[in-house]
Every structure is written in C-alpha cells, then in structure tokens.
Amino acid sequence: GVYALVWQQIIKKVDISIAYSNRAAAIFWSTLWAAAIFREHISLQNIVGIIIIFAGIWMVNRDA
C-alpha cells in the first residue's frame, strides 16, 4: 500500500516516461541485495545487463 501511494506521488511530479525508466534501477538494487544478503553470485552477464539498463535510463533522462 505504501508503495502505491509513493508511486502516485512520484508520477504526479515527474514525467511518466522518466518515472518508468527509473524503475528499471530496481534490477540493480535487487542484484546488490541478493549478493549481500543471500550471497548470490553476480556474473559478468549480470553486470553487463545492469550497465545496459543504466545506459537506457541515462538516454531517457538526458532528454528531459
């Protein structure tokens, strides 16, 4: 419920395309917490994928 309320406030103040593109950063955070808490192995493919995601976020946000 809290997430839904916070998300509604975010999309009121930020352009929807920028807000949705930044949600992809959750992949980074989930990978980080999986490694820190559950000692998951982070492969080179995971790192490359995260870099590609952040490149996409940067491309969307630079035009804003």
PDB file of N, CA and C in Angstrom:
ATOM      1  N   GLY A   1       0.797  -1.190   0.000  1.00  0.00           N
ATOM      2  CA  GLY A   1       0.000   0.000   0.000  1.00  0.00           C
ATOM      3  C   GLY A   1       0.848   1.266   0.000  1.00  0.00           C
ATOM      4  N   VAL A   2       1.907   1.261   0.794  1.00  0.00           N
ATOM      5  CA  VAL A   2       2.781   2.438   0.870  1.00  0.00           C
ATOM      6  C   VAL A   2       3.440   2.685  -0.482  1.00  0.00           C
ATOM      7  N   TYR A   3       3.864   1.598  -1.127  1.00  0.00           N
ATOM      8  CA  TYR A   3       4.494   1.735  -2.446  1.00  0.00           C
ATOM      9  C   TYR A   3       3.532   2.395  -3.433  1.00  0.00           C
ATOM     10  N   ALA A   4       2.278   1.977  -3.415  1.00  0.00           N
ATOM     11  CA  ALA A   4       1.293   2.541  -4.335  1.00  0.00           C
ATOM     12  C   ALA A   4       1.101   4.032  -4.088  1.00  0.00           C
ATOM     13  N   LEU A   5       1.046   4.437  -2.836  1.00  0.00           N
ATOM     14  CA  LEU A   5       0.889   5.858  -2.514  1.00  0.00           C
ATOM     15  C   LEU A   5       2.109   6.673  -2.943  1.00  0.00           C
ATOM     16  N   VAL A   6       3.282   6.140  -2.683  1.00  0.00           N
ATOM     17  CA  VAL A   6       4.513   6.844  -3.070  1.00  0.00           C
ATOM     18  C   VAL A   6       4.602   6.940  -4.593  1.00  0.00           C
ATOM     19  N   TRP A   7       4.282   5.835  -5.278  1.00  0.00           N
ATOM     20  CA  TRP A   7       4.332   5.838  -6.741  1.00  0.00           C
ATOM     21  C   TRP A   7       3.379   6.883  -7.309  1.00  0.00           C
ATOM     22  N   GLN A   8       2.182   7.021  -6.760  1.00  0.00           N
ATOM     23  CA  GLN A   8       1.230   8.018  -7.241  1.00  0.00           C
ATOM     24  C   GLN A   8       1.775   9.432  -7.063  1.00  0.00           C
ATOM     25  N   GLN A   9       2.451   9.677  -5.964  1.00  0.00           N
ATOM     26  CA  GLN A   9       3.040  10.994  -5.740  1.00  0.00           C
ATOM     27  C   GLN A   9       4.181  11.267  -6.720  1.00  0.00           C
ATOM     28  N   ILE A  10       4.952  10.243  -7.021  1.00  0.00           N
ATOM     29  CA  ILE A  10       6.065  10.412  -7.964  1.00  0.00           C
ATOM     30  C   ILE A  10       5.544  10.759  -9.351  1.00  0.00           C
ATOM     31  N   ILE A  11       4.535  10.019  -9.824  1.00  0.00           N
ATOM     32  CA  ILE A  11       4.075  10.285 -11.191  1.00  0.00           C
ATOM     33  C   ILE A  11       3.277  11.582 -11.303  1.00  0.00           C
ATOM     34  N   LYS A  12       2.869  12.155 -10.178  1.00  0.00           N
ATOM     35  CA  LYS A  12       2.258  13.490 -10.216  1.00  0.00           C
ATOM     36  C   LYS A  12       3.305  14.555 -10.510  1.00  0.00           C
ATOM     37  N   LYS A  13       4.536  14.337 -10.032  1.00  0.00           N
ATOM     38  CA  LYS A  13       5.565  15.369 -10.102  1.00  0.00           C
ATOM     39  C   LYS A  13       6.579  15.152 -11.226  1.00  0.00           C
ATOM     40  N   VAL A  14       6.664  13.926 -11.744  1.00  0.00           N
ATOM     41  CA  VAL A  14       7.687  13.589 -12.730  1.00  0.00           C
ATOM     42  C   VAL A  14       7.000  13.066 -13.986  1.00  0.00           C
ATOM     43  N   ASP A  15       7.568  13.376 -15.129  1.00  0.00           N
ATOM     44  CA  ASP A  15       7.051  12.866 -16.399  1.00  0.00           C
ATOM     45  C   ASP A  15       7.014  11.344 -16.346  1.00  0.00           C
ATOM     46  N   ILE A  16       5.933  10.748 -16.820  1.00  0.00           N
ATOM     47  CA  ILE A  16       5.718   9.304 -16.690  1.00  0.00           C
ATOM     48  C   ILE A  16       6.805   8.490 -17.376  1.00  0.00           C
ATOM     49  N   SER A  17       7.311   8.946 -18.519  1.00  0.00           N
ATOM     50  CA  SER A  17       8.360   8.185 -19.207  1.00  0.00           C
ATOM     51  C   SER A  17       9.644   8.146 -18.384  1.00  0.00           C
ATOM     52  N   ILE A  18       9.950   9.224 -17.703  1.00  0.00           N
ATOM     53  CA  ILE A  18      11.145   9.265 -16.860  1.00  0.00           C
ATOM     54  C   ILE A  18      10.935   8.413 -15.618  1.00  0.00           C
ATOM     55  N   ALA A  19       9.767   8.494 -15.021  1.00  0.00           N
ATOM     56  CA  ALA A  19       9.487   7.705 -13.825  1.00  0.00           C
ATOM     57  C   ALA A  19       9.588   6.211 -14.121  1.00  0.00           C
ATOM     58  N   TYR A  20       9.004   5.770 -15.227  1.00  0.00           N
ATOM     59  CA  TYR A  20       9.052   4.345 -15.557  1.00  0.00           C
ATOM     60  C   TYR A  20      10.457   3.890 -15.913  1.00  0.00           C
ATOM     61  N   SER A  21      11.214   4.712 -16.587  1.00  0.00           N
ATOM     62  CA  SER A  21      12.575   4.308 -16.932  1.00  0.00           C
ATOM     63  C   SER A  21      13.432   4.150 -15.683  1.00  0.00           C
ATOM     64  N   ASN A  22      13.210   4.983 -14.689  1.00  0.00           N
ATOM     65  CA  ASN A  22      13.990   4.889 -13.461  1.00  0.00           C
ATOM     66  C   ASN A  22      13.588   3.702 -12.592  1.00  0.00           C
ATOM     67  N   ARG A  23      12.410   3.152 -12.823  1.00  0.00           N
ATOM     68  CA  ARG A  23      12.017   1.946 -12.092  1.00  0.00           C
ATOM     69  C   ARG A  23      12.921   0.775 -12.446  1.00  0.00           C
ATOM     70  N   ALA A  24      13.531   0.824 -13.615  1.00  0.00           N
ATOM     71  CA  ALA A  24      14.436  -0.252 -14.023  1.00  0.00           C
ATOM     72  C   ALA A  24      15.663  -0.330 -13.121  1.00  0.00           C
ATOM     73  N   ALA A  25      15.967   0.719 -12.402  1.00  0.00           N
ATOM     74  CA  ALA A  25      17.089   0.700 -11.469  1.00  0.00           C
ATOM     75  C   ALA A  25      16.862  -0.309 -10.346  1.00  0.00           C
ATOM     76  N   ALA A  26      15.645  -0.787 -10.182  1.00  0.00           N
ATOM     77  CA  ALA A  26      15.358  -1.810  -9.176  1.00  0.00           C
ATOM     78  C   ALA A  26      16.137  -3.088  -9.457  1.00  0.00           C
ATOM     79  N   ILE A  27      16.464  -3.346 -10.719  1.00  0.00           N
ATOM     80  CA  ILE A  27      17.276  -4.511 -11.067  1.00  0.00           C
ATOM     81  C   ILE A  27      18.638  -4.422 -10.378  1.00  0.00           C
ATOM     82  N   PHE A  28      19.216  -3.239 -10.392  1.00  0.00           N
ATOM     83  CA  PHE A  28      20.500  -3.040  -9.722  1.00  0.00           C
ATOM     84  C   PHE A  28      20.375  -3.317  -8.230  1.00  0.00           C
ATOM     85  N   TRP A  29      19.372  -2.719  -7.605  1.00  0.00           N
ATOM     86  CA  TRP A  29      19.204  -2.875  -6.156  1.00  0.00           C
ATOM     87  C   TRP A  29      18.898  -4.318  -5.773  1.00  0.00           C
ATOM     88  N   SER A  30      18.070  -5.004  -6.552  1.00  0.00           N
ATOM     89  CA  SER A  30      17.760  -6.397  -6.220  1.00  0.00           C
ATOM     90  C   SER A  30      18.991  -7.287  -6.376  1.00  0.00           C
ATOM     91  N   THR A  31      19.820  -7.004  -7.373  1.00  0.00           N
ATOM     92  CA  THR A  31      21.059  -7.761  -7.548  1.00  0.00           C
ATOM     93  C   THR A  31      22.016  -7.494  -6.399  1.00  0.00           C
ATOM     94  N   LEU A  32      22.127  -6.248  -6.009  1.00  0.00           N
ATOM     95  CA  LEU A  32      23.004  -5.888  -4.902  1.00  0.00           C
ATOM     96  C   LEU A  32      22.572  -6.568  -3.607  1.00  0.00           C
ATOM     97  N   TRP A  33      21.283  -6.508  -3.291  1.00  0.00           N
ATOM     98  CA  TRP A  33      20.787  -7.134  -2.057  1.00  0.00           C
ATOM     99  C   TRP A  33      20.879  -8.647  -2.125  1.00  0.00           C
ATOM    100  N   ALA A  34      20.660  -9.251  -3.295  1.00  0.00           N
ATOM    101  CA  ALA A  34      20.789 -10.705  -3.434  1.00  0.00           C
ATOM    102  C   ALA A  34      22.219 -11.149  -3.133  1.00  0.00           C
ATOM    103  N   ALA A  35      23.182 -10.363  -3.589  1.00  0.00           N
ATOM    104  CA  ALA A  35      24.583 -10.698  -3.314  1.00  0.00           C
ATOM    105  C   ALA A  35      24.930 -10.456  -1.844  1.00  0.00           C
ATOM    106  N   ALA A  36      24.434  -9.373  -1.284  1.00  0.00           N
ATOM    107  CA  ALA A  36      24.788  -9.027   0.095  1.00  0.00           C
ATOM    108  C   ALA A  36      24.095  -9.925   1.118  1.00  0.00           C
ATOM    109  N   ILE A  37      22.823 -10.196   0.910  1.00  0.00           N
ATOM    110  CA  ILE A  37      22.054 -10.943   1.912  1.00  0.00           C
ATOM    111  C   ILE A  37      22.122 -12.455   1.679  1.00  0.00           C
ATOM    112  N   PHE A  38      21.937 -12.874   0.436  1.00  0.00           N
ATOM    113  CA  PHE A  38      21.846 -14.305   0.139  1.00  0.00           C
ATOM    114  C   PHE A  38      23.126 -14.880  -0.453  1.00  0.00           C
ATOM    115  N   ARG A  39      24.142 -14.040  -0.576  1.00  0.00           N
ATOM    116  CA  ARG A  39      25.434 -14.443  -1.121  1.00  0.00           C
ATOM    117  C   ARG A  39      25.313 -15.059  -2.523  1.00  0.00           C
ATOM    118  N   GLU A  40      24.432 -14.448  -3.312  1.00  0.00           N
ATOM    119  CA  GLU A  40      24.266 -14.875  -4.698  1.00  0.00           C
ATOM    120  C   GLU A  40      25.501 -14.463  -5.504  1.00  0.00           C
ATOM    121  N   HIS A  41      25.814 -15.267  -6.498  1.00  0.00           N
ATOM    122  CA  HIS A  41      26.935 -14.959  -7.386  1.00  0.00           C
ATOM    123  C   HIS A  41      26.459 -13.975  -8.457  1.00  0.00           C
ATOM    124  N   ILE A  42      27.220 -12.908  -8.655  1.00  0.00           N
ATOM    125  CA  ILE A  42      26.905 -11.937  -9.706  1.00  0.00           C
ATOM    126  C   ILE A  42      27.856 -12.216 -10.871  1.00  0.00           C
ATOM    127  N   SER A  43      27.289 -12.627 -11.972  1.00  0.00           N
ATOM    128  CA  SER A  43      28.108 -12.983 -13.136  1.00  0.00           C
ATOM    129  C   SER A  43      28.422 -11.744 -13.971  1.00  0.00           C
ATOM    130  N   LEU A  44      29.313 -11.927 -14.906  1.00  0.00           N
ATOM    131  CA  LEU A  44      29.657 -10.854 -15.834  1.00  0.00           C
ATOM    132  C   LEU A  44      28.435 -10.465 -16.658  1.00  0.00           C
ATOM    133  N   GLN A  45      27.599 -11.428 -17.003  1.00  0.00           N
ATOM    134  CA  GLN A  45      26.377 -11.136 -17.755  1.00  0.00           C
ATOM    135  C   GLN A  45      25.432 -10.246 -16.944  1.00  0.00           C
ATOM    136  N   ASN A  46      25.346 -10.487 -15.636  1.00  0.00           N
ATOM    137  CA  ASN A  46      24.525  -9.636 -14.783  1.00  0.00           C
ATOM    138  C   ASN A  46      25.039  -8.197 -14.798  1.00  0.00           C
ATOM    139  N   ILE A  47      26.340  -8.041 -14.684  1.00  0.00           N
ATOM    140  CA  ILE A  47      26.943  -6.705 -14.650  1.00  0.00           C
ATOM    141  C   ILE A  47      26.733  -5.993 -15.984  1.00  0.00           C
ATOM    142  N   VAL A  48      26.937  -6.711 -17.089  1.00  0.00           N
ATOM    143  CA  VAL A  48      26.723  -6.115 -18.409  1.00  0.00           C
ATOM    144  C   VAL A  48      25.260  -5.705 -18.568  1.00  0.00           C
ATOM    145  N   GLY A  49      24.339  -6.556 -18.126  1.00  0.00           N
ATOM    146  CA  GLY A  49      22.919  -6.227 -18.206  1.00  0.00           C
ATOM    147  C   GLY A  49      22.567  -4.978 -17.411  1.00  0.00           C
ATOM    148  N   ILE A  50      23.127  -4.853 -16.224  1.00  0.00           N
ATOM    149  CA  ILE A  50      22.870  -3.668 -15.397  1.00  0.00           C
ATOM    150  C   ILE A  50      23.438  -2.416 -16.072  1.00  0.00           C
ATOM    151  N   ILE A  51      24.606  -2.530 -16.668  1.00  0.00           N
ATOM    152  CA  ILE A  51      25.195  -1.385 -17.384  1.00  0.00           C
ATOM    153  C   ILE A  51      24.296  -0.968 -18.546  1.00  0.00           C
ATOM    154  N   ILE A  52      23.761  -1.943 -19.275  1.00  0.00           N
ATOM    155  CA  ILE A  52      22.866  -1.629 -20.389  1.00  0.00           C
ATOM    156  C   ILE A  52      21.596  -0.939 -19.880  1.00  0.00           C
ATOM    157  N   ILE A  53      21.062  -1.429 -18.767  1.00  0.00           N
ATOM    158  CA  ILE A  53      19.861  -0.806 -18.186  1.00  0.00           C
ATOM    159  C   ILE A  53      20.141   0.643 -17.801  1.00  0.00           C
ATOM    160  N   PHE A  54      21.274   0.886 -17.137  1.00  0.00           N
ATOM    161  CA  PHE A  54      21.591   2.256 -16.743  1.00  0.00           C
ATOM    162  C   PHE A  54      21.882   3.146 -17.949  1.00  0.00           C
ATOM    163  N   ALA A  55      22.410   2.575 -19.018  1.00  0.00           N
ATOM    164  CA  ALA A  55      22.603   3.356 -20.241  1.00  0.00           C
ATOM    165  C   ALA A  55      21.248   3.781 -20.804  1.00  0.00           C
ATOM    166  N   GLY A  56      20.276   2.879 -20.761  1.00  0.00           N
ATOM    167  CA  GLY A  56      18.927   3.222 -21.217  1.00  0.00           C
ATOM    168  C   GLY A  56      18.285   4.292 -20.345  1.00  0.00           C
ATOM    169  N   ILE A  57      18.455   4.168 -19.030  1.00  0.00           N
ATOM    170  CA  ILE A  57      17.921   5.184 -18.114  1.00  0.00           C
ATOM    171  C   ILE A  57      18.563   6.531 -18.414  1.00  0.00           C
ATOM    172  N   TRP A  58      19.866   6.533 -18.626  1.00  0.00           N
ATOM    173  CA  TRP A  58      20.573   7.787 -18.928  1.00  0.00           C
ATOM    174  C   TRP A  58      20.060   8.394 -20.223  1.00  0.00           C
ATOM    175  N   MET A  59      19.835   7.552 -21.246  1.00  0.00           N
ATOM    176  CA  MET A  59      19.361   8.073 -22.533  1.00  0.00           C
ATOM    177  C   MET A  59      17.977   8.708 -22.409  1.00  0.00           C
ATOM    178  N   VAL A  60      17.110   8.119 -21.611  1.00  0.00           N
ATOM    179  CA  VAL A  60      15.764   8.679 -21.429  1.00  0.00           C
ATOM    180  C   VAL A  60      15.845   9.972 -20.629  1.00  0.00           C
ATOM    181  N   ASN A  61      16.646   9.991 -19.576  1.00  0.00           N
ATOM    182  CA  ASN A  61      16.701  11.151 -18.694  1.00  0.00           C
ATOM    183  C   ASN A  61      17.477  12.334 -19.254  1.00  0.00           C
ATOM    184  N   ARG A  62      18.391  12.106 -20.174  1.00  0.00           N
ATOM    185  CA  ARG A  62      19.171  13.234 -20.682  1.00  0.00           C
ATOM    186  C   ARG A  62      18.346  14.158 -21.559  1.00  0.00           C
ATOM    187  N   ASP A  63      17.278  13.657 -22.150  1.00  0.00           N
ATOM    188  CA  ASP A  63      16.415  14.483 -22.987  1.00  0.00           C
ATOM    189  C   ASP A  63      15.368  15.234 -22.190  1.00  0.00           C
ATOM    190  N   ALA A  64      15.274  14.949 -20.909  1.00  0.00           N
ATOM    191  CA  ALA A  64      14.226  15.562 -20.083  1.00  0.00           C
ATOM    192  C   ALA A  64      14.540  16.985 -19.730  1.00  0.00           C
TER     193      ALA A  64
END
